[in-house]
Amino acid sequence: MAAIYDTLVRSDSTSGGFVPQLAKTLSNNSDFTSYTVTLADGLTFSDGSPLDAEAVKWSIDRFVAGKGDVSQTWLNIVDRIETPDATTVEFILERPWSQFPALLSLGPGMIVARSSGGEAGSVSGTGDGAFTPIGAGPFTLAKFAPHEELVLAARTDYQGGKPSLDTLRFVPTSGAQSQYESLKSGQIDMTYILRDEAVIKQALDDGYSGYLSPTGQNGIGTINNREGKPGADVRIRQAIASGVDPAAVNTRANDGLGTASSELVPRTSRWYNNTAGIPFDPAKAKALLDQAKSDGYDGKLRYLTTSEPSQQATALTVQASLNAIGFDVTIDYATDVTDLVRRVYRDHDFDMTRGGAPVGEEAPYLNVYNSMASDSKNNPSGFADPEMDALITAVQTASTDDAVREAISRVQEYANVTVPYVIWGPASVLTAWDGNIHGVVRTITDIMFFGDAWMSPA
């Protein structure tokens, strides 16, 4: 989508801040309650229609109305958008947020042309009504065959100049090992390897270039907190957190190659502040479980998973660990990832499952909010606590990096008591490419830009 639409701004790995991408300039006031984006004169979408301030406002309003990802965060922080002239867009916030440009680097910042048609809820055009993906990025849609390929063609009139690559082709893959084998065999030039430490190690050992992103909370135990579920009792959540050793999960699911940790952010993160998570303590876990049983709990717990090897290994580890202290855990297999997502996020048909809620280095508030806030649509556990909501807001409004670290520490301390979910450790994500690939630029959440990418002879 970034190749088609571009983003207004992007994160900059050198400074740790945000810089213009599609926009010409980005600025803010002294207390981070107002941000201004200016556009270049004569900027156009790929169909030649003008990309001006009103087009930006229309696109963002459409995205938020369609409840795209991070739209709830947008509604909670943005008071209004003003367009004083054709090339100026002002974002007036409800409260300070020094990392607000993160939203302009994600879905809201991918500007869709009004001429695209349809009032779909996402920038990819899913929803009712006809939709043509028309953006201002360096590429346009040439072919889309679901489950087969997505082919993009270079724009000759792109504002940054015609891309060196004439074509981008995206293809679906069936897991980390097959992705890596396709990369080694030359079938693909670049791939995104998610949460498979063994394959990531193999790629790095073999000398592949790429971007390694260790993301906190990508190995978590999501516990259904809703009424009628075992996890509605905080003692059950505390027992699960104390009763499963993150080191055991790492050994079984990651061949011991990952990091075992119950901390909200990993030690490698710029936001780490030496605040401990919940320690492994099976005796405490058994005592908590016994208390719940004395009040009528039968000990039964249903763990939802897929048959993917690392997910299954995690499920078996959790089952053995919790059964050893008196739980009665059964494993419930979803037919595939789509079925699991439906049962967790829509139907809430689970007691526990493995999930991910990475705390992004660029804007940690986003995923802390998404995974724990009472009004977050991306909170699969149903956890809701006004005190936690206030602590999460403090992460957002912190004005310095040290203040952000301190605010995250307060969230960690309260999470150790309330246990919205359990944390088993960070997980690595590797975007790997052949040595003849150059000029790829990364932004937030491992979105890659290809406008300046080029290939040397193999």
Protein backbone atom coordinates (compact mmCIF):
# COMPACT_ATOMS: atom_id res chain seq x y z
CA MET A 1 0.00 0.00 0.00
CA ALA A 2 2.89 2.36 0.72
CA ALA A 3 4.16 1.75 -2.82
CA ILE A 4 0.77 2.81 -4.21
CA TYR A 5 -0.20 5.60 -1.82
CA ASP A 6 3.06 6.70 -0.20
CA THR A 7 2.76 8.11 3.35
CA LEU A 8 2.73 11.75 4.39
CA VAL A 9 5.73 11.23 6.66
CA ARG A 10 8.02 8.37 7.66
CA SER A 11 10.14 7.41 10.62
CA ASP A 12 13.86 8.09 10.41
CA SER A 13 16.14 5.44 11.90
CA THR A 14 19.04 7.87 12.25
CA SER A 15 17.28 10.52 14.35
CA GLY A 16 14.60 8.31 15.88
CA GLY A 17 12.02 10.91 14.83
CA PHE A 18 9.83 11.53 11.79
CA VAL A 19 10.57 13.27 8.50
CA PRO A 20 8.51 14.25 5.42
CA GLN A 21 7.88 11.58 2.79
CA LEU A 22 4.99 12.57 0.51
CA ALA A 23 4.73 15.86 2.42
CA LYS A 24 7.10 18.75 1.73
CA THR A 25 7.52 19.80 5.37
CA LEU A 26 6.44 18.68 8.84
CA SER A 27 6.43 20.95 11.89
CA ASN A 28 4.85 21.22 15.33
CA ASN A 29 4.28 23.75 18.11
CA SER A 30 6.30 23.77 21.32
CA ASP A 31 3.92 21.67 23.42
CA PHE A 32 3.16 19.04 20.72
CA THR A 33 -0.55 19.86 20.49
CA SER A 34 -0.50 21.09 16.89
CA TYR A 35 1.23 19.70 13.80
CA THR A 36 1.43 21.22 10.33
CA VAL A 37 2.07 19.39 7.07
CA THR A 38 2.74 21.34 3.90
CA LEU A 39 2.44 19.85 0.43
CA ALA A 40 4.36 20.68 -2.71
CA ASP A 41 2.57 22.83 -5.29
CA GLY A 42 1.10 20.84 -8.16
CA LEU A 43 1.19 17.46 -6.38
CA THR A 44 -1.04 14.92 -8.13
CA PHE A 45 -2.37 11.43 -7.72
CA SER A 46 -1.49 8.80 -10.30
CA ASP A 47 -4.63 9.63 -12.31
CA GLY A 48 -3.63 13.30 -12.56
CA SER A 49 -6.18 14.60 -10.03
CA PRO A 50 -4.80 17.16 -7.55
CA LEU A 51 -3.45 16.11 -4.17
CA ASP A 52 -4.11 19.18 -2.08
CA ALA A 53 -5.02 19.88 1.55
CA GLU A 54 -8.71 19.09 1.02
CA ALA A 55 -7.76 15.75 -0.56
CA VAL A 56 -5.70 14.88 2.51
CA LYS A 57 -8.55 15.77 4.85
CA TRP A 58 -11.07 13.81 2.78
CA SER A 59 -8.86 10.73 2.71
CA ILE A 60 -8.20 10.77 6.46
CA ASP A 61 -11.88 11.37 7.27
CA ARG A 62 -12.73 8.40 5.04
CA PHE A 63 -10.16 6.19 6.74
CA VAL A 64 -11.36 7.05 10.24
CA ALA A 65 -15.04 6.68 9.33
CA GLY A 66 -14.26 3.26 7.91
CA LYS A 67 -12.64 2.24 11.23
CA GLY A 68 -9.28 1.41 9.72
CA ASP A 69 -6.46 0.28 11.97
CA VAL A 70 -5.36 3.02 14.46
CA SER A 71 -8.57 4.95 13.70
CA GLN A 72 -9.62 4.73 17.35
CA THR A 73 -6.30 6.25 18.37
CA TRP A 74 -6.90 9.02 15.84
CA LEU A 75 -10.34 9.79 17.23
CA ASN A 76 -8.99 9.86 20.76
CA ILE A 77 -6.19 12.33 20.06
CA VAL A 78 -7.17 14.55 17.08
CA ASP A 79 -9.61 17.36 17.84
CA ARG A 80 -9.85 18.63 14.26
CA ILE A 81 -8.12 19.02 10.91
CA GLU A 82 -7.83 22.49 9.40
CA THR A 83 -6.92 23.39 5.80
CA PRO A 84 -6.12 27.11 5.74
CA ASP A 85 -4.91 26.91 2.14
CA ALA A 86 -4.42 24.41 -0.67
CA THR A 87 -1.02 23.18 0.50
CA THR A 88 -1.35 23.37 4.30
CA VAL A 89 -2.92 20.80 6.63
CA GLU A 90 -3.05 21.47 10.37
CA PHE A 91 -3.77 18.76 12.94
CA ILE A 92 -5.03 20.11 16.28
CA LEU A 93 -4.74 17.58 19.10
CA GLU A 94 -6.77 17.05 22.25
CA ARG A 95 -3.59 16.73 24.34
CA PRO A 96 0.18 16.66 23.77
CA TRP A 97 1.75 13.78 21.88
CA SER A 98 5.32 14.12 20.67
CA GLN A 99 5.02 11.00 18.49
CA PHE A 100 1.77 11.93 16.73
CA PRO A 101 3.50 11.78 13.30
CA ALA A 102 3.48 8.00 13.72
CA LEU A 103 -0.17 8.10 12.66
CA LEU A 104 0.78 10.01 9.51
CA SER A 105 3.27 7.22 8.76
CA LEU A 106 0.55 4.56 8.93
CA GLY A 107 -2.93 4.17 7.42
CA PRO A 108 -4.15 7.74 7.98
CA GLY A 109 -1.07 9.02 6.15
CA MET A 110 -1.69 6.86 3.06
CA ILE A 111 -3.71 9.34 1.03
CA VAL A 112 -6.38 7.84 -1.23
CA ALA A 113 -7.77 9.85 -4.14
CA ARG A 114 -11.44 10.78 -4.10
CA SER A 115 -11.55 9.45 -7.66
CA SER A 116 -10.84 5.94 -6.32
CA GLY A 117 -14.58 5.50 -5.77
CA GLY A 118 -16.17 3.45 -3.01
CA GLU A 119 -16.29 4.35 0.65
CA ALA A 120 -14.21 1.44 1.84
CA GLY A 121 -12.91 1.30 5.39
CA SER A 122 -9.28 0.70 4.57
CA VAL A 123 -6.73 2.06 2.18
CA SER A 124 -6.69 -1.30 0.43
CA GLY A 125 -10.30 -0.81 -0.64
CA THR A 126 -11.93 -3.65 1.26
CA GLY A 127 -15.62 -3.09 1.82
CA ASP A 128 -18.71 -2.41 -0.26
CA GLY A 129 -18.66 -0.49 -3.52
CA ALA A 130 -16.34 -0.39 -6.47
CA PHE A 131 -12.83 0.72 -5.62
CA THR A 132 -9.75 1.52 -7.70
CA PRO A 133 -6.53 2.04 -5.73
CA ILE A 134 -5.42 5.51 -6.76
CA GLY A 135 -2.67 7.13 -4.74
CA ALA A 136 0.36 9.38 -5.06
CA GLY A 137 3.03 6.75 -4.51
CA PRO A 138 5.74 5.66 -6.94
CA PHE A 139 3.78 2.67 -8.28
CA THR A 140 0.31 1.89 -9.62
CA LEU A 141 -1.69 -1.31 -9.64
CA ALA A 142 -1.05 -3.44 -12.74
CA LYS A 143 -2.56 -6.75 -11.65
CA PHE A 144 -4.19 -8.25 -8.59
CA ALA A 145 -4.95 -11.98 -8.50
CA PRO A 146 -5.99 -12.90 -4.94
CA HIS A 147 -3.84 -15.65 -3.37
CA GLU A 148 -1.53 -15.53 -6.43
CA GLU A 149 0.18 -12.20 -6.97
CA LEU A 150 0.00 -8.43 -6.77
CA VAL A 151 1.90 -6.62 -9.52
CA LEU A 152 2.70 -2.91 -9.43
CA ALA A 153 4.07 -0.74 -12.25
CA ALA A 154 6.36 2.28 -11.87
CA ARG A 155 4.95 5.79 -12.34
CA THR A 156 6.82 7.97 -14.79
CA ASP A 157 5.40 11.12 -13.17
CA TYR A 158 6.14 10.29 -9.53
CA GLN A 159 7.14 13.42 -7.59
CA GLY A 160 10.45 11.85 -6.60
CA GLY A 161 11.24 10.81 -10.15
CA LYS A 162 10.49 7.56 -11.97
CA PRO A 163 11.53 4.57 -9.83
CA SER A 164 14.49 2.52 -11.01
CA LEU A 165 12.42 -0.66 -10.70
CA ASP A 166 9.87 -0.99 -13.49
CA THR A 167 7.84 -3.59 -11.62
CA LEU A 168 7.19 -4.83 -8.10
CA ARG A 169 5.67 -8.26 -7.64
CA PHE A 170 4.32 -9.45 -4.29
CA VAL A 171 3.51 -13.14 -3.82
CA PRO A 172 2.01 -15.06 -0.89
CA THR A 173 4.16 -17.59 0.96
CA SER A 174 3.48 -20.51 3.25
CA GLY A 175 5.72 -19.95 6.24
CA ALA A 176 9.20 -18.84 7.18
CA GLN A 177 11.10 -21.91 5.98
CA SER A 178 9.51 -21.89 2.53
CA GLN A 179 10.06 -18.12 2.29
CA TYR A 180 13.74 -18.55 2.98
CA GLU A 181 14.08 -21.44 0.54
CA SER A 182 12.44 -19.30 -2.14
CA LEU A 183 14.89 -16.50 -1.38
CA LYS A 184 17.90 -18.83 -1.59
CA SER A 185 16.70 -20.40 -4.85
CA GLY A 186 16.21 -17.00 -6.51
CA GLN A 187 12.43 -17.26 -6.86
CA ILE A 188 12.07 -14.08 -4.81
CA ASP A 189 14.50 -11.21 -4.10
CA MET A 190 13.21 -10.11 -0.71
CA THR A 191 11.04 -11.58 2.06
CA TYR A 192 9.57 -10.86 5.48
CA ILE A 193 10.33 -13.60 8.04
CA LEU A 194 8.13 -13.38 11.11
CA ARG A 195 8.82 -14.91 14.53
CA ASP A 196 10.84 -17.94 13.42
CA GLU A 197 14.12 -17.61 15.27
CA ALA A 198 15.70 -20.68 13.64
CA VAL A 199 15.07 -19.46 10.09
CA ILE A 200 16.14 -15.92 11.00
CA LYS A 201 19.40 -17.27 12.42
CA GLN A 202 19.94 -19.32 9.27
CA ALA A 203 19.45 -16.27 7.04
CA LEU A 204 21.84 -14.16 9.12
CA ASP A 205 24.44 -16.94 9.28
CA ASP A 206 24.23 -17.24 5.50
CA GLY A 207 25.09 -13.55 5.19
CA TYR A 208 21.85 -12.11 3.83
CA SER A 209 21.33 -8.36 4.07
CA GLY A 210 18.21 -6.99 5.64
CA TYR A 211 16.56 -5.30 8.59
CA LEU A 212 16.30 -7.15 11.90
CA SER A 213 13.57 -5.81 14.14
CA PRO A 214 13.39 -7.28 17.66
CA THR A 215 9.86 -6.42 18.76
CA GLY A 216 8.69 -6.61 22.35
CA GLN A 217 5.55 -8.55 23.29
CA ASN A 218 5.44 -10.56 20.08
CA GLY A 219 5.21 -13.68 22.22
CA ILE A 220 2.31 -13.18 24.61
CA GLY A 221 -0.38 -15.32 26.13
CA THR A 222 -3.69 -13.62 25.42
CA ILE A 223 -6.19 -14.43 28.18
CA ASN A 224 -9.90 -13.80 27.64
CA ASN A 225 -10.87 -11.48 30.52
CA ARG A 226 -14.56 -11.36 29.64
CA GLU A 227 -17.37 -12.33 32.01
CA GLY A 228 -18.01 -16.06 32.08
CA LYS A 229 -14.43 -16.94 31.11
CA PRO A 230 -11.84 -18.28 33.59
CA GLY A 231 -9.67 -15.22 32.93
CA ALA A 232 -12.33 -12.91 34.32
CA ASP A 233 -10.87 -13.85 37.72
CA VAL A 234 -7.59 -11.95 38.22
CA ARG A 235 -6.28 -14.82 40.34
CA ILE A 236 -6.51 -17.13 37.33
CA ARG A 237 -4.60 -14.62 35.19
CA GLN A 238 -1.96 -14.25 37.92
CA ALA A 239 -1.67 -18.03 38.23
CA ILE A 240 -1.13 -18.40 34.47
CA ALA A 241 1.48 -15.64 34.47
CA SER A 242 3.41 -17.18 37.39
CA GLY A 243 2.90 -20.76 36.24
CA VAL A 244 4.45 -20.67 32.75
CA ASP A 245 8.21 -20.22 32.44
CA PRO A 246 9.11 -17.95 29.49
CA ALA A 247 12.37 -19.89 29.19
CA ALA A 248 10.40 -23.11 28.59
CA VAL A 249 8.34 -21.44 25.87
CA ASN A 250 11.52 -20.14 24.23
CA THR A 251 13.13 -23.59 24.36
CA ARG A 252 10.16 -25.40 22.84
CA ALA A 253 8.88 -22.81 20.37
CA ASN A 254 12.15 -21.10 19.33
CA ASP A 255 14.74 -23.88 19.80
CA GLY A 256 16.16 -21.69 22.56
CA LEU A 257 17.25 -19.06 20.04
CA GLY A 258 14.94 -16.29 21.18
CA THR A 259 14.78 -14.22 24.35
CA ALA A 260 12.80 -15.34 27.39
CA SER A 261 11.34 -12.38 29.23
CA SER A 262 8.14 -11.26 30.94
CA GLU A 263 8.89 -7.57 30.47
CA LEU A 264 6.72 -5.18 28.48
CA VAL A 265 9.64 -3.93 26.41
CA PRO A 266 12.84 -5.91 25.73
CA ARG A 267 16.19 -4.90 27.18
CA THR A 268 17.34 -3.99 23.67
CA SER A 269 14.60 -1.36 23.36
CA ARG A 270 15.28 2.37 23.71
CA TRP A 271 12.27 2.40 26.06
CA TYR A 272 13.60 -0.17 28.51
CA ASN A 273 13.78 1.17 32.07
CA ASN A 274 14.89 -1.81 34.18
CA THR A 275 11.37 -2.61 35.41
CA ALA A 276 10.86 -6.33 35.98
CA GLY A 277 7.94 -8.35 34.74
CA ILE A 278 6.24 -11.25 36.53
CA PRO A 279 8.73 -13.94 37.67
CA PHE A 280 8.17 -17.66 37.13
CA ASP A 281 6.87 -18.98 40.47
CA PRO A 282 4.91 -22.26 40.24
CA ALA A 283 4.31 -22.39 44.01
CA LYS A 284 2.63 -18.99 43.93
CA ALA A 285 0.69 -20.01 40.83
CA LYS A 286 -0.63 -23.15 42.56
CA ALA A 287 -1.67 -21.18 45.64
CA LEU A 288 -3.59 -18.68 43.49
CA LEU A 289 -5.25 -21.50 41.55
CA ASP A 290 -6.22 -23.27 44.77
CA GLN A 291 -7.87 -20.07 46.02
CA ALA A 292 -9.93 -19.83 42.84
CA LYS A 293 -10.86 -23.51 43.06
CA SER A 294 -12.03 -23.07 46.65
CA ASP A 295 -14.49 -20.51 45.28
CA GLY A 296 -15.87 -22.94 42.71
CA TYR A 297 -13.53 -22.79 39.70
CA ASP A 298 -13.15 -26.24 38.11
CA GLY A 299 -9.64 -25.63 36.74
CA LYS A 300 -10.63 -26.09 33.09
CA LEU A 301 -8.96 -23.90 30.49
CA ARG A 302 -9.27 -24.04 26.70
CA TYR A 303 -6.17 -23.00 24.72
CA LEU A 304 -6.81 -22.02 21.10
CA THR A 305 -4.01 -22.47 18.56
CA THR A 306 -3.16 -23.40 15.00
CA SER A 307 -1.10 -26.42 13.95
CA GLU A 308 1.84 -24.22 12.86
CA PRO A 309 4.89 -25.79 14.57
CA SER A 310 5.96 -22.94 16.86
CA GLN A 311 2.36 -22.15 17.84
CA GLN A 312 1.69 -25.81 18.58
CA ALA A 313 4.91 -26.07 20.58
CA THR A 314 3.84 -23.07 22.65
CA ALA A 315 0.43 -24.60 23.26
CA LEU A 316 1.92 -27.90 24.44
CA THR A 317 4.36 -26.10 26.73
CA VAL A 318 1.60 -24.03 28.31
CA GLN A 319 -0.60 -27.10 28.69
CA ALA A 320 2.13 -29.11 30.45
CA SER A 321 3.16 -26.20 32.69
CA LEU A 322 -0.36 -25.33 33.82
CA ASN A 323 -1.51 -28.93 34.21
CA ALA A 324 1.47 -29.49 36.52
CA ILE A 325 0.08 -26.96 39.00
CA GLY A 326 -3.53 -28.17 38.85
CA PHE A 327 -5.16 -26.68 35.75
CA ASP A 328 -7.00 -28.91 33.28
CA VAL A 329 -5.92 -27.44 29.92
CA THR A 330 -7.31 -28.72 26.63
CA ILE A 331 -5.96 -27.59 23.27
CA ASP A 332 -8.48 -26.39 20.71
CA TYR A 333 -7.15 -26.24 17.13
CA ALA A 334 -8.33 -23.54 14.75
CA THR A 335 -8.51 -24.60 11.10
CA ASP A 336 -6.11 -21.81 10.04
CA VAL A 337 -4.94 -18.33 11.01
CA THR A 338 -8.09 -16.74 9.59
CA ASP A 339 -10.26 -18.98 11.75
CA LEU A 340 -8.14 -18.17 14.81
CA VAL A 341 -8.36 -14.41 14.22
CA ARG A 342 -12.15 -14.65 13.77
CA ARG A 343 -12.60 -16.63 16.97
CA VAL A 344 -10.34 -14.33 18.99
CA TYR A 345 -11.24 -10.87 17.69
CA ARG A 346 -14.83 -11.27 16.54
CA ASP A 347 -16.41 -14.18 18.38
CA HIS A 348 -14.23 -14.09 21.55
CA ASP A 349 -14.46 -17.88 21.47
CA PHE A 350 -11.36 -18.81 23.47
CA ASP A 351 -9.97 -18.89 26.99
CA MET A 352 -6.35 -18.39 26.02
CA THR A 353 -4.20 -18.18 22.90
CA ARG A 354 -0.82 -16.94 21.74
CA GLY A 355 -0.73 -13.50 20.20
CA GLY A 356 1.45 -10.49 19.61
CA ALA A 357 1.32 -6.85 20.60
CA PRO A 358 4.71 -5.40 19.69
CA VAL A 359 5.71 -2.17 21.38
CA GLY A 360 7.01 -0.20 18.44
CA GLU A 361 10.27 1.65 18.88
CA GLU A 362 8.97 4.70 17.04
CA ALA A 363 5.77 5.23 19.06
CA PRO A 364 5.33 2.79 21.97
CA TYR A 365 2.00 4.30 22.99
CA LEU A 366 0.29 2.84 19.92
CA ASN A 367 0.58 -0.80 20.84
CA VAL A 368 0.34 -0.31 24.58
CA TYR A 369 -3.00 1.37 23.84
CA ASN A 370 -4.06 -1.19 21.25
CA SER A 371 -3.43 -4.17 23.52
CA MET A 372 -4.69 -2.88 26.88
CA ALA A 373 -6.93 0.18 26.62
CA SER A 374 -10.59 -0.21 27.52
CA ASP A 375 -11.89 1.35 24.30
CA SER A 376 -9.36 -0.23 21.92
CA LYS A 377 -10.91 -2.27 19.12
CA ASN A 378 -7.65 -4.24 18.87
CA ASN A 379 -7.72 -5.39 22.49
CA PRO A 380 -8.48 -9.13 22.12
CA SER A 381 -8.55 -9.92 25.85
CA GLY A 382 -11.39 -7.56 26.76
CA PHE A 383 -9.28 -6.18 29.61
CA ALA A 384 -10.72 -2.88 30.85
CA ASP A 385 -9.41 -0.86 33.79
CA PRO A 386 -9.73 2.93 34.22
CA GLU A 387 -6.46 3.13 36.17
CA MET A 388 -4.60 1.38 33.36
CA ASP A 389 -6.24 3.73 30.84
CA ALA A 390 -4.82 6.71 32.75
CA LEU A 391 -1.36 5.13 32.87
CA ILE A 392 -1.47 4.47 29.11
CA THR A 393 -2.47 8.09 28.42
CA ALA A 394 0.57 9.16 30.47
CA VAL A 395 2.76 7.25 27.98
CA GLN A 396 1.23 9.30 25.19
CA THR A 397 1.58 12.70 26.84
CA ALA A 398 5.14 12.22 28.15
CA SER A 399 7.25 14.99 26.63
CA THR A 400 10.72 13.45 26.79
CA ASP A 401 12.19 10.00 26.16
CA ASP A 402 12.98 9.63 29.87
CA ALA A 403 9.38 10.51 30.73
CA VAL A 404 8.13 7.90 28.23
CA ARG A 405 10.36 5.26 29.84
CA GLU A 406 9.08 6.15 33.29
CA ALA A 407 5.45 6.04 32.10
CA ILE A 408 5.98 2.61 30.53
CA SER A 409 7.49 1.42 33.82
CA ARG A 410 4.29 2.45 35.62
CA VAL A 411 2.27 0.47 33.06
CA GLN A 412 4.53 -2.54 33.65
CA GLU A 413 4.12 -2.33 37.44
CA TYR A 414 0.33 -2.17 37.20
CA ALA A 415 0.22 -4.93 34.58
CA ASN A 416 2.18 -7.14 36.98
CA VAL A 417 -0.80 -6.91 39.35
CA THR A 418 -3.75 -6.87 36.94
CA VAL A 419 -2.28 -9.17 34.22
CA PRO A 420 -4.10 -8.01 31.07
CA TYR A 421 -2.14 -10.82 29.36
CA VAL A 422 1.08 -12.72 30.01
CA ILE A 423 4.39 -11.99 28.31
CA TRP A 424 6.87 -14.70 27.28
CA GLY A 425 9.35 -12.56 25.41
CA PRO A 426 10.12 -10.45 22.37
CA ALA A 427 10.30 -11.96 18.92
CA SER A 428 12.47 -11.08 15.97
CA VAL A 429 11.23 -10.06 12.56
CA LEU A 430 13.68 -10.08 9.65
CA THR A 431 13.16 -8.43 6.30
CA ALA A 432 15.89 -10.11 4.23
CA TRP A 433 17.01 -9.44 0.67
CA ASP A 434 19.61 -10.53 -1.85
CA GLY A 435 22.94 -8.70 -2.00
CA ASN A 436 22.03 -7.07 -5.32
CA ILE A 437 19.07 -5.17 -3.80
CA HIS A 438 19.82 -1.55 -2.83
CA GLY A 439 18.01 1.61 -1.75
CA VAL A 440 15.12 0.05 0.18
CA VAL A 441 14.03 2.42 2.97
CA ARG A 442 12.29 1.21 6.13
CA THR A 443 9.71 3.14 8.12
CA ILE A 444 7.50 2.36 11.12
CA THR A 445 6.22 -1.23 11.59
CA ASP A 446 8.65 -2.50 8.95
CA ILE A 447 6.86 -0.80 6.06
CA MET A 448 9.36 -0.60 3.20
CA PHE A 449 9.62 2.08 0.52
CA PHE A 450 10.74 1.05 -2.98
CA GLY A 451 10.74 4.43 -4.74
CA ASP A 452 14.56 4.62 -4.58
CA ALA A 453 15.21 0.88 -4.72
CA TRP A 454 17.41 -0.58 -7.47
CA MET A 455 19.04 -3.86 -8.44
CA SER A 456 22.65 -4.36 -9.43
CA PRO A 457 23.68 -7.30 -11.64
CA ALA A 458 23.45 -10.56 -9.71
